[in-house]
C-alpha cells in the first residue's frame, strides 16, 4: 500500500465583518462588540454624523459624505445619505476589501440607515462578498412618512443583499413586558441579532463533527427568494425539535414561514453529544415545516462544552417564494373574514327565517307549468271545478269550501281562472 502524503496548503482565513449603518446600526454594533466572545471578528460603524461616531468606543468607525454633510448627519433624508455613500464609495470599498462575509445592521425610516445601506451592499455584491442584512422597521406611531421611507429602502436592500432579516419595532411592545424601558427594549433587540451573528460565526469558524463550510453557506445564500433565520435554545437533549421551532418563532421577526424554501442550513451546537433519535426527529420536523422534499438541507453539528445550556439550533432558510411568507397571515385574515361572513349570514338567516319558511311552501309554484300533474295542482283544480258552477248559478258556497278557496294563493287562483 502506498502512503499518501497531503501537501500543506495555505489556508485562507474567513473574515467576517459586522457593520452598523446609521445611528441605530451603530448602537447595535456597540452592544454586539461588547458581547462578542470571538477575537477574529471585525466591527465597524458607518455614519454621516460624526458626533454619533464619537459614542462608538469599542470598534472601528467610518465617516461618509463629509464634503456634503460636514459631519452633521443626513437630516433624515435618505437621498442625502445615498449621495454621501456614493461620494465615499472608495472608502467603503476599501473597508470591506478583504472580507469574506459582511453582516450589515441598520434601522430604516431615517436618513443614513435607509440611504447608505443599499450603497454598501451594492459595493459588496460587485466585489463578490456574501452580504447579510439585519434591519429594523420604525414604530407605526412614528408616522406614515418614515414607514414609507423604510419600505422603499427595504426594497433596495433586498435587491442586493444575499439575505435580509426584518425586525419590527412594534413587535417589541407585544414581545416584551409593558414595564420594560425603551433603551432596554432596544438592547434586547440587539441581543437577539447578536445571538444569530454568534451562531453564524461559530458555524463557519469552529471545526465540528459535521461542518458547514463557506461554500455551503455561499450556495444557500445565493438562492433567490425571501430569507428566514433564527436561533433556538434547547435546555436538554429532548427539546431539539422545540428549539428548531422556536428559532423560527421569534416574536421580533416578521414573516418567518419557511414553506417552499429551496435551501436550508441547520447548525446544531451542543454541550455534549446529541442523541441520534432526537437529531433525526429534529430534521423530520424541519421537513414538515418546509413542506417540500426537494429542498437542499445542509446540516452541521459542533460540540462546544462551554455552552451554558444543552444546545442551540441555528436555521437559515433561503429561496422562500416571495408571496409565501405572507400567506399564513393572509390565510388567517381570510378565515376571520369568512367567520365574520358566516356570523352575518346566520344573523340574516335568523331574522328572515319566517319569510323564508313562508316562501318555501310555494317554491315549486314558479315551475307550475312543469308540474301540472302534481297532486297539489289537481286539488286546486278540483276546488275551482266545484266552485265555478255554484258561482254561475248563484248558489251559496259552503264555508268549508270557501275557506279552502281563499287558502289558495291569489296568483294561483288567477292562473286557475285562465
Protein backbone atom coordinates (compact mmCIF):
# COMPACT_ATOMS: atom_id res chain seq x y z
CA UNK A 1 0.00 0.00 0.00
CA UNK A 2 1.32 3.41 -0.94
CA UNK A 3 1.37 6.14 1.63
CA UNK A 4 -0.45 9.27 0.58
CA UNK A 5 1.23 12.46 1.66
CA UNK A 6 -1.00 15.55 1.87
CA UNK A 7 0.92 18.64 0.93
CA UNK A 8 0.46 21.58 3.21
CA UNK A 9 -1.56 24.30 1.54
CA UNK A 10 -2.07 27.83 2.66
CA UNK A 11 -5.45 28.06 4.37
CA UNK A 12 -7.49 31.14 3.65
CA UNK A 13 -8.95 32.80 6.73
CA UNK A 14 -12.66 33.54 6.83
CA UNK A 15 -13.03 37.24 7.53
CA UNK A 16 -16.41 38.11 8.99
CA UNK A 17 -17.17 41.82 9.27
CA UNK A 18 -20.21 43.15 11.18
CA UNK A 19 -21.11 46.71 10.10
CA UNK A 20 -23.66 49.10 11.54
CA UNK A 21 -25.00 51.87 9.30
CA UNK A 22 -26.59 54.97 10.83
CA UNK A 23 -27.44 55.71 14.44
CA UNK A 24 -29.48 52.56 15.09
CA UNK A 25 -26.89 50.35 13.42
CA UNK A 26 -24.07 51.99 15.38
CA UNK A 27 -25.86 51.42 18.68
CA UNK A 28 -26.40 47.77 17.80
CA UNK A 29 -22.73 47.33 16.91
CA UNK A 30 -21.67 48.87 20.23
CA UNK A 31 -23.82 46.33 22.09
CA UNK A 32 -22.70 43.38 19.96
CA UNK A 33 -18.99 44.25 20.11
CA UNK A 34 -19.27 44.28 23.89
CA UNK A 35 -20.93 40.84 23.93
CA UNK A 36 -18.86 39.06 21.30
CA UNK A 37 -16.56 36.31 22.56
CA UNK A 38 -14.76 35.87 19.22
CA UNK A 39 -11.50 37.74 18.76
CA UNK A 40 -11.30 37.40 14.97
CA UNK A 41 -14.48 39.32 14.18
CA UNK A 42 -14.34 42.89 12.97
CA UNK A 43 -16.91 45.51 13.97
CA UNK A 44 -17.41 48.89 12.27
CA UNK A 45 -19.92 51.74 12.43
CA UNK A 46 -20.63 53.94 9.41
CA UNK A 47 -22.40 57.28 9.73
CA UNK A 48 -22.81 60.76 8.27
CA UNK A 49 -22.97 62.15 11.82
CA UNK A 50 -19.55 62.49 13.44
CA UNK A 51 -21.00 63.08 16.91
CA UNK A 52 -22.72 59.67 16.79
CA UNK A 53 -19.41 58.03 15.83
CA UNK A 54 -17.74 59.57 18.88
CA UNK A 55 -20.01 57.33 21.00
CA UNK A 56 -18.59 54.17 19.39
CA UNK A 57 -15.61 53.49 21.63
CA UNK A 58 -15.18 49.71 21.25
CA UNK A 59 -14.91 49.31 17.45
CA UNK A 60 -13.88 50.98 14.20
CA UNK A 61 -15.78 53.93 12.71
CA UNK A 62 -16.07 55.50 9.24
CA UNK A 63 -17.48 58.95 8.46
CA UNK A 64 -19.00 59.18 4.97
CA UNK A 65 -20.05 62.15 2.81
CA UNK A 66 -18.12 64.73 4.82
CA UNK A 67 -17.94 67.07 1.82
CA UNK A 68 -21.75 67.18 1.68
CA UNK A 69 -22.94 66.79 5.27
CA UNK A 70 -19.94 68.43 7.01
CA UNK A 71 -20.30 65.62 9.55
CA UNK A 72 -23.68 66.88 10.80
CA UNK A 73 -25.78 63.96 9.53
CA UNK A 74 -28.19 63.40 6.64
CA UNK A 75 -31.09 65.38 8.12
CA UNK A 76 -33.42 62.33 7.97
CA UNK A 77 -33.15 62.45 4.16
CA UNK A 78 -32.16 59.10 2.59
CA UNK A 79 -31.23 60.82 -0.68
CA UNK A 80 -28.60 62.90 1.13
CA UNK A 81 -27.22 59.74 2.76
CA UNK A 82 -27.24 57.92 -0.58
CA UNK A 83 -25.20 60.73 -2.15
CA UNK A 84 -22.85 60.73 0.85
CA UNK A 85 -22.24 56.99 0.45
CA UNK A 86 -21.57 57.38 -3.26
CA UNK A 87 -19.09 60.17 -2.55
CA UNK A 88 -17.30 57.85 -0.11
CA UNK A 89 -17.58 54.77 -2.32
CA UNK A 90 -13.81 54.31 -2.46
CA UNK A 91 -13.54 54.37 1.34
CA UNK A 92 -16.42 51.86 1.64
CA UNK A 93 -14.80 49.59 -0.93
CA UNK A 94 -11.50 49.68 0.95
CA UNK A 95 -13.31 49.00 4.25
CA UNK A 96 -14.61 45.61 3.03
CA UNK A 97 -11.75 44.77 0.67
CA UNK A 98 -10.61 41.60 2.43
CA UNK A 99 -13.95 40.47 3.88
CA UNK A 100 -15.43 37.05 3.19
CA UNK A 101 -18.82 37.85 4.70
CA UNK A 102 -20.33 41.13 5.82
CA UNK A 103 -23.31 41.35 8.15
CA UNK A 104 -24.91 44.79 7.91
CA UNK A 105 -27.22 46.16 10.61
CA UNK A 106 -29.37 49.24 10.08
CA UNK A 107 -32.50 50.95 11.29
CA UNK A 108 -34.77 52.02 8.44
CA UNK A 109 -37.03 55.04 8.25
CA UNK A 110 -34.42 57.75 8.78
CA UNK A 111 -31.61 59.14 6.64
CA UNK A 112 -28.27 57.31 6.88
CA UNK A 113 -29.51 53.77 7.53
CA UNK A 114 -32.07 53.97 4.72
CA UNK A 115 -29.90 55.79 2.18
CA UNK A 116 -26.38 54.42 2.70
CA UNK A 117 -27.10 50.73 3.40
CA UNK A 118 -28.15 49.85 -0.19
CA UNK A 119 -24.96 51.50 -1.49
CA UNK A 120 -22.71 49.48 0.82
CA UNK A 121 -24.49 46.26 -0.11
CA UNK A 122 -24.23 47.08 -3.80
CA UNK A 123 -20.46 47.52 -3.44
CA UNK A 124 -20.23 44.16 -1.66
CA UNK A 125 -22.25 42.46 -4.38
CA UNK A 126 -19.96 43.81 -7.12
CA UNK A 127 -16.93 42.56 -5.19
CA UNK A 128 -18.47 39.08 -4.77
CA UNK A 129 -18.71 39.34 -0.99
CA UNK A 130 -21.53 37.47 0.75
CA UNK A 131 -23.77 40.02 2.46
CA UNK A 132 -26.46 39.50 5.08
CA UNK A 133 -28.53 42.42 6.32
CA UNK A 134 -30.49 42.82 9.57
CA UNK A 135 -32.88 45.78 9.52
CA UNK A 136 -35.50 47.21 11.88
CA UNK A 137 -38.70 48.93 10.80
CA UNK A 138 -39.95 52.07 12.63
CA UNK A 139 -42.84 52.20 15.07
CA UNK A 140 -46.19 52.87 13.39
CA UNK A 141 -46.56 55.80 15.79
CA UNK A 142 -43.60 57.45 14.01
CA UNK A 143 -45.87 58.15 11.06
CA UNK A 144 -46.50 57.00 7.51
CA UNK A 145 -43.67 59.10 6.07
CA UNK A 146 -40.95 57.21 7.97
CA UNK A 147 -42.73 53.93 7.29
CA UNK A 148 -42.70 54.57 3.53
CA UNK A 149 -39.03 55.57 3.62
CA UNK A 150 -38.30 52.28 5.40
CA UNK A 151 -40.24 50.19 2.87
CA UNK A 152 -38.52 51.90 -0.08
CA UNK A 153 -35.12 51.27 1.49
CA UNK A 154 -36.02 47.66 2.26
CA UNK A 155 -36.88 47.06 -1.37
CA UNK A 156 -33.48 48.37 -2.44
CA UNK A 157 -31.70 46.33 0.23
CA UNK A 158 -33.39 43.06 -0.76
CA UNK A 159 -32.35 43.65 -4.37
CA UNK A 160 -28.62 43.50 -3.49
CA UNK A 161 -28.28 41.58 -0.20
CA UNK A 162 -27.92 37.79 -0.19
CA UNK A 163 -30.20 37.50 2.82
CA UNK A 164 -32.31 40.01 4.76
CA UNK A 165 -33.82 39.67 8.23
CA UNK A 166 -36.55 42.18 9.08
CA UNK A 167 -37.33 43.04 12.70
CA UNK A 168 -40.25 45.26 13.69
CA UNK A 169 -40.03 47.84 16.47
CA UNK A 170 -43.77 47.45 17.03
CA UNK A 171 -43.15 43.80 17.95
CA UNK A 172 -41.12 44.96 20.94
CA UNK A 173 -44.32 46.13 22.61
CA UNK A 174 -46.07 42.76 22.32
CA UNK A 175 -42.97 40.62 22.87
CA UNK A 176 -41.66 42.33 26.00
CA UNK A 177 -43.11 43.28 29.36
CA UNK A 178 -45.06 46.54 29.28
CA UNK A 179 -42.85 47.96 32.04
CA UNK A 180 -39.57 47.43 30.14
CA UNK A 181 -37.58 50.58 29.46
CA UNK A 182 -37.10 51.93 25.93
CA UNK A 183 -33.32 51.51 25.93
CA UNK A 184 -33.64 48.05 27.46
CA UNK A 185 -36.04 47.06 24.69
CA UNK A 186 -33.60 48.17 22.02
CA UNK A 187 -30.77 46.32 23.75
CA UNK A 188 -32.95 43.20 23.79
CA UNK A 189 -33.39 43.54 20.03
CA UNK A 190 -29.62 44.00 19.61
CA UNK A 191 -29.02 40.89 21.73
CA UNK A 192 -31.34 38.84 19.54
CA UNK A 193 -29.36 39.85 16.45
CA UNK A 194 -26.10 39.16 18.29
CA UNK A 195 -27.19 35.57 19.06
CA UNK A 196 -27.77 34.91 15.37
CA UNK A 197 -24.44 36.51 14.40
CA UNK A 198 -22.61 34.49 17.07
CA UNK A 199 -24.19 31.26 15.83
CA UNK A 200 -23.16 32.01 12.24
CA UNK A 201 -19.61 32.84 13.35
CA UNK A 202 -19.37 29.60 15.37
CA UNK A 203 -20.69 27.58 12.45
CA UNK A 204 -18.15 28.99 9.98
CA UNK A 205 -15.06 29.26 12.16
CA UNK A 206 -15.22 26.32 14.55
CA UNK A 207 -14.47 22.81 13.29
CA UNK A 208 -17.26 20.37 14.12
CA UNK A 209 -18.14 16.72 13.62
CA UNK A 210 -20.22 17.77 10.62
CA UNK A 211 -19.06 21.03 9.07
CA UNK A 212 -20.91 23.70 7.12
CA UNK A 213 -18.18 25.33 5.07
CA UNK A 214 -18.10 28.74 3.46
CA UNK A 215 -19.04 27.31 0.05
CA UNK A 216 -22.12 25.64 1.56
CA UNK A 217 -23.03 28.96 3.15
CA UNK A 218 -22.47 30.88 -0.08
CA UNK A 219 -24.58 28.44 -2.07
CA UNK A 220 -27.54 28.68 0.30
CA UNK A 221 -27.32 32.49 0.31
CA UNK A 222 -27.27 32.55 -3.50
CA UNK A 223 -30.80 31.12 -3.78
CA UNK A 224 -33.28 33.78 -4.86
CA UNK A 225 -36.30 34.50 -2.72
CA UNK A 226 -37.03 35.53 0.83
CA UNK A 227 -35.00 34.51 3.87
CA UNK A 228 -35.86 33.27 7.36
CA UNK A 229 -33.28 32.77 10.08
CA UNK A 230 -33.11 32.43 13.83
CA UNK A 231 -31.62 30.65 16.82
CA UNK A 232 -33.44 28.41 19.29
CA UNK A 233 -32.16 27.10 22.63
CA UNK A 234 -32.63 23.57 23.99
CA UNK A 235 -32.19 23.10 27.74
CA UNK A 236 -31.84 19.33 27.30
CA UNK A 237 -31.46 16.80 24.51
CA UNK A 238 -35.17 16.04 24.30
CA UNK A 239 -36.01 19.60 23.28
CA UNK A 240 -34.14 19.90 19.98
CA UNK A 241 -37.39 19.90 17.98
CA UNK A 242 -38.76 22.68 20.17
CA UNK A 243 -35.54 24.65 19.72
CA UNK A 244 -35.87 24.35 15.95
CA UNK A 245 -39.46 25.63 16.08
CA UNK A 246 -38.56 28.47 18.44
CA UNK A 247 -35.78 29.55 16.08
CA UNK A 248 -38.47 30.39 13.53
CA UNK A 249 -40.95 31.86 16.02
CA UNK A 250 -39.04 34.94 17.15
CA UNK A 251 -41.76 37.47 18.08
CA UNK A 252 -39.50 40.33 16.96
CA UNK A 253 -39.12 38.98 13.43
CA UNK A 254 -41.67 39.47 10.65
CA UNK A 255 -42.69 36.60 8.36
CA UNK A 256 -40.72 33.51 9.39
CA UNK A 257 -42.57 30.85 7.40
CA UNK A 258 -40.16 28.53 5.54
CA UNK A 259 -42.79 26.76 3.44
CA UNK A 260 -41.35 26.17 -0.02
CA UNK A 261 -37.75 27.07 0.91
CA UNK A 262 -35.24 25.89 -1.69
CA UNK A 263 -32.31 25.62 0.72
CA UNK A 264 -31.84 25.37 4.48
CA UNK A 265 -28.81 25.31 6.77
CA UNK A 266 -29.35 23.76 10.19
CA UNK A 267 -26.42 24.14 12.56
CA UNK A 268 -26.68 22.21 15.84
CA UNK A 269 -24.19 23.25 18.51
CA UNK A 270 -24.35 21.08 21.63
CA UNK A 271 -22.65 20.94 25.01
CA UNK A 272 -22.32 17.17 24.60
CA UNK A 273 -23.07 14.51 22.03
CA UNK A 274 -26.72 14.69 20.87
CA UNK A 275 -28.97 11.63 20.60
CA UNK A 276 -29.29 10.15 17.10
CA UNK A 277 -33.04 9.73 17.58
CA UNK A 278 -33.55 13.38 18.60
CA UNK A 279 -31.32 14.55 15.76
CA UNK A 280 -33.43 12.64 13.23
CA UNK A 281 -36.66 13.91 14.80
CA UNK A 282 -35.38 17.47 14.51
CA UNK A 283 -34.69 17.02 10.80
CA UNK A 284 -38.12 15.39 10.30
CA UNK A 285 -39.71 18.42 11.98
CA UNK A 286 -37.79 20.65 9.58
CA UNK A 287 -39.08 18.69 6.59
CA UNK A 288 -42.64 19.16 7.84
CA UNK A 289 -42.10 22.92 8.19
CA UNK A 290 -40.71 23.20 4.66
CA UNK A 291 -43.48 21.06 3.15
CA UNK A 292 -41.17 20.11 0.28
CA UNK A 293 -38.95 17.08 -0.24
CA UNK A 294 -36.93 18.92 -2.92
CA UNK A 295 -35.25 21.44 -0.61
CA UNK A 296 -31.48 21.23 -0.19
CA UNK A 297 -30.81 20.75 3.53
CA UNK A 298 -27.26 21.22 4.79
CA UNK A 299 -26.59 20.25 8.41
CA UNK A 300 -23.75 20.99 10.77
CA UNK A 301 -23.02 19.55 14.22
CA UNK A 302 -20.50 21.03 16.64
CA UNK A 303 -19.77 20.05 20.24
CA UNK A 304 -19.00 23.06 22.41
CA UNK A 305 -18.56 22.12 26.14
CA UNK A 306 -18.62 25.78 27.24
CA UNK A 307 -22.29 26.25 26.28
CA UNK A 308 -24.45 27.26 29.28
CA UNK A 309 -27.32 25.04 28.06
CA UNK A 310 -27.53 21.71 26.21
CA UNK A 311 -27.70 23.09 22.69
CA UNK A 312 -28.52 25.79 20.16
CA UNK A 313 -30.14 25.36 16.76
CA UNK A 314 -29.37 27.88 14.02
CA UNK A 315 -31.69 27.87 11.00
CA UNK A 316 -31.02 29.76 7.77
CA UNK A 317 -33.67 29.18 5.10
CA UNK A 318 -33.49 30.84 1.69
CA UNK A 319 -35.23 30.70 -1.66
CA UNK A 320 -38.63 31.07 0.01
CA UNK A 321 -41.31 32.12 -2.51
CA UNK A 322 -41.81 35.86 -2.12
CA UNK A 323 -45.57 35.59 -1.56
CA UNK A 324 -45.24 32.59 0.76
CA UNK A 325 -44.17 34.37 3.92
CA UNK A 326 -47.36 36.44 3.87
CA UNK A 327 -49.65 33.51 3.15
CA UNK A 328 -50.16 32.45 6.77
CA UNK A 329 -51.26 35.95 7.79
CA UNK A 330 -53.46 36.20 4.71
CA UNK A 331 -54.99 32.78 5.40
CA UNK A 332 -55.64 33.80 9.00
CA UNK A 333 -57.23 37.04 7.79
CA UNK A 334 -59.33 35.16 5.25
CA UNK A 335 -60.51 32.74 7.94
CA UNK A 336 -61.51 35.67 10.15
CA UNK A 337 -63.36 37.33 7.26
CA UNK A 338 -65.05 34.04 6.40
CA UNK A 339 -66.06 33.62 10.03
CA UNK A 340 -67.50 37.13 10.09
CA UNK A 341 -69.43 36.43 6.90
CA UNK A 342 -70.82 33.23 8.43
CA UNK A 343 -71.93 35.17 11.51
CA UNK A 344 -73.62 37.79 9.33
CA UNK A 345 -75.22 35.04 7.27
CA UNK A 346 -76.52 33.33 10.39
CA UNK A 347 -77.96 36.62 11.62
CA UNK A 348 -79.67 37.23 8.30
CA UNK A 349 -80.99 33.67 8.31
CA UNK A 350 -82.40 34.14 11.79
CA UNK A 351 -84.08 37.48 11.04
CA UNK A 352 -85.53 36.31 7.76
CA UNK A 353 -86.29 32.70 8.66
CA UNK A 354 -90.02 33.40 8.96
CA UNK A 355 -90.13 34.91 5.47
CA UNK A 356 -88.15 32.02 4.03
CA UNK A 357 -90.44 29.48 5.65
CA UNK A 358 -93.46 31.18 4.09
CA UNK A 359 -91.89 31.27 0.67
CA UNK A 360 -90.59 27.72 0.90
CA UNK A 361 -94.01 26.13 0.66
CA UNK A 362 -94.57 27.94 -2.64
CA UNK A 363 -91.07 27.48 -4.07
CA UNK A 364 -92.20 24.94 -6.66
CA UNK A 365 -95.04 27.11 -7.88
CA UNK A 366 -92.60 29.12 -10.03
CA UNK A 367 -92.40 26.00 -12.17
CA UNK A 368 -96.15 25.48 -12.22
CA UNK A 369 -96.25 24.76 -15.91
CA UNK A 370 -93.88 21.81 -15.45
CA UNK A 371 -95.78 20.17 -12.58
CA UNK A 372 -99.34 20.44 -13.81
CA UNK A 373 -99.90 16.78 -12.94
CA UNK A 374 -98.88 17.30 -9.29
CA UNK A 375 -101.25 16.42 -6.50
CA UNK A 376 -101.45 19.99 -5.19
CA UNK A 377 -102.38 21.47 -8.56
CA UNK A 378 -105.01 18.80 -9.16
CA UNK A 379 -106.51 19.58 -5.76
CA UNK A 380 -106.68 23.29 -6.61
CA UNK A 381 -108.38 22.48 -9.92
CA UNK A 382 -110.93 20.25 -8.20
CA UNK A 383 -111.81 23.07 -5.82
CA UNK A 384 -112.14 25.52 -8.71
CA UNK A 385 -114.26 22.98 -10.57
CA UNK A 386 -116.65 22.63 -7.64
CA UNK A 387 -116.95 26.34 -7.06
CA UNK A 388 -117.38 27.57 -10.61
CA UNK A 389 -120.93 26.11 -11.19
CA UNK A 390 -122.10 27.44 -7.84
CA UNK A 391 -120.93 30.92 -8.70
CA UNK A 392 -122.61 30.79 -12.06
CA UNK A 393 -125.92 29.56 -10.58
CA UNK A 394 -125.75 31.98 -7.67
CA UNK A 395 -125.75 29.10 -5.19
CA UNK A 396 -124.35 29.53 -1.72
CA UNK A 397 -120.81 28.17 -1.29
CA UNK A 398 -120.19 26.13 1.82
CA UNK A 399 -117.90 27.82 4.38
CA UNK A 400 -115.54 24.83 4.30
CA UNK A 401 -115.14 25.04 0.52
CA UNK A 402 -114.81 28.82 0.62
CA UNK A 403 -112.03 28.69 3.25
CA UNK A 404 -110.16 26.18 1.08
CA UNK A 405 -110.56 28.52 -1.86
CA UNK A 406 -109.13 31.54 -0.06
CA UNK A 407 -106.24 29.50 1.31
CA UNK A 408 -105.05 29.14 -2.29
CA UNK A 409 -102.50 31.91 -3.12
CA UNK A 410 -104.01 34.73 -5.15
CA UNK A 411 -101.73 34.29 -8.14
CA UNK A 412 -102.66 30.59 -8.34
CA UNK A 413 -106.32 31.45 -8.24
CA UNK A 414 -105.80 33.80 -11.15
CA UNK A 415 -103.96 31.11 -13.12
CA UNK A 416 -106.77 28.62 -12.48
CA UNK A 417 -109.35 31.05 -13.84
CA UNK A 418 -107.45 31.46 -17.13
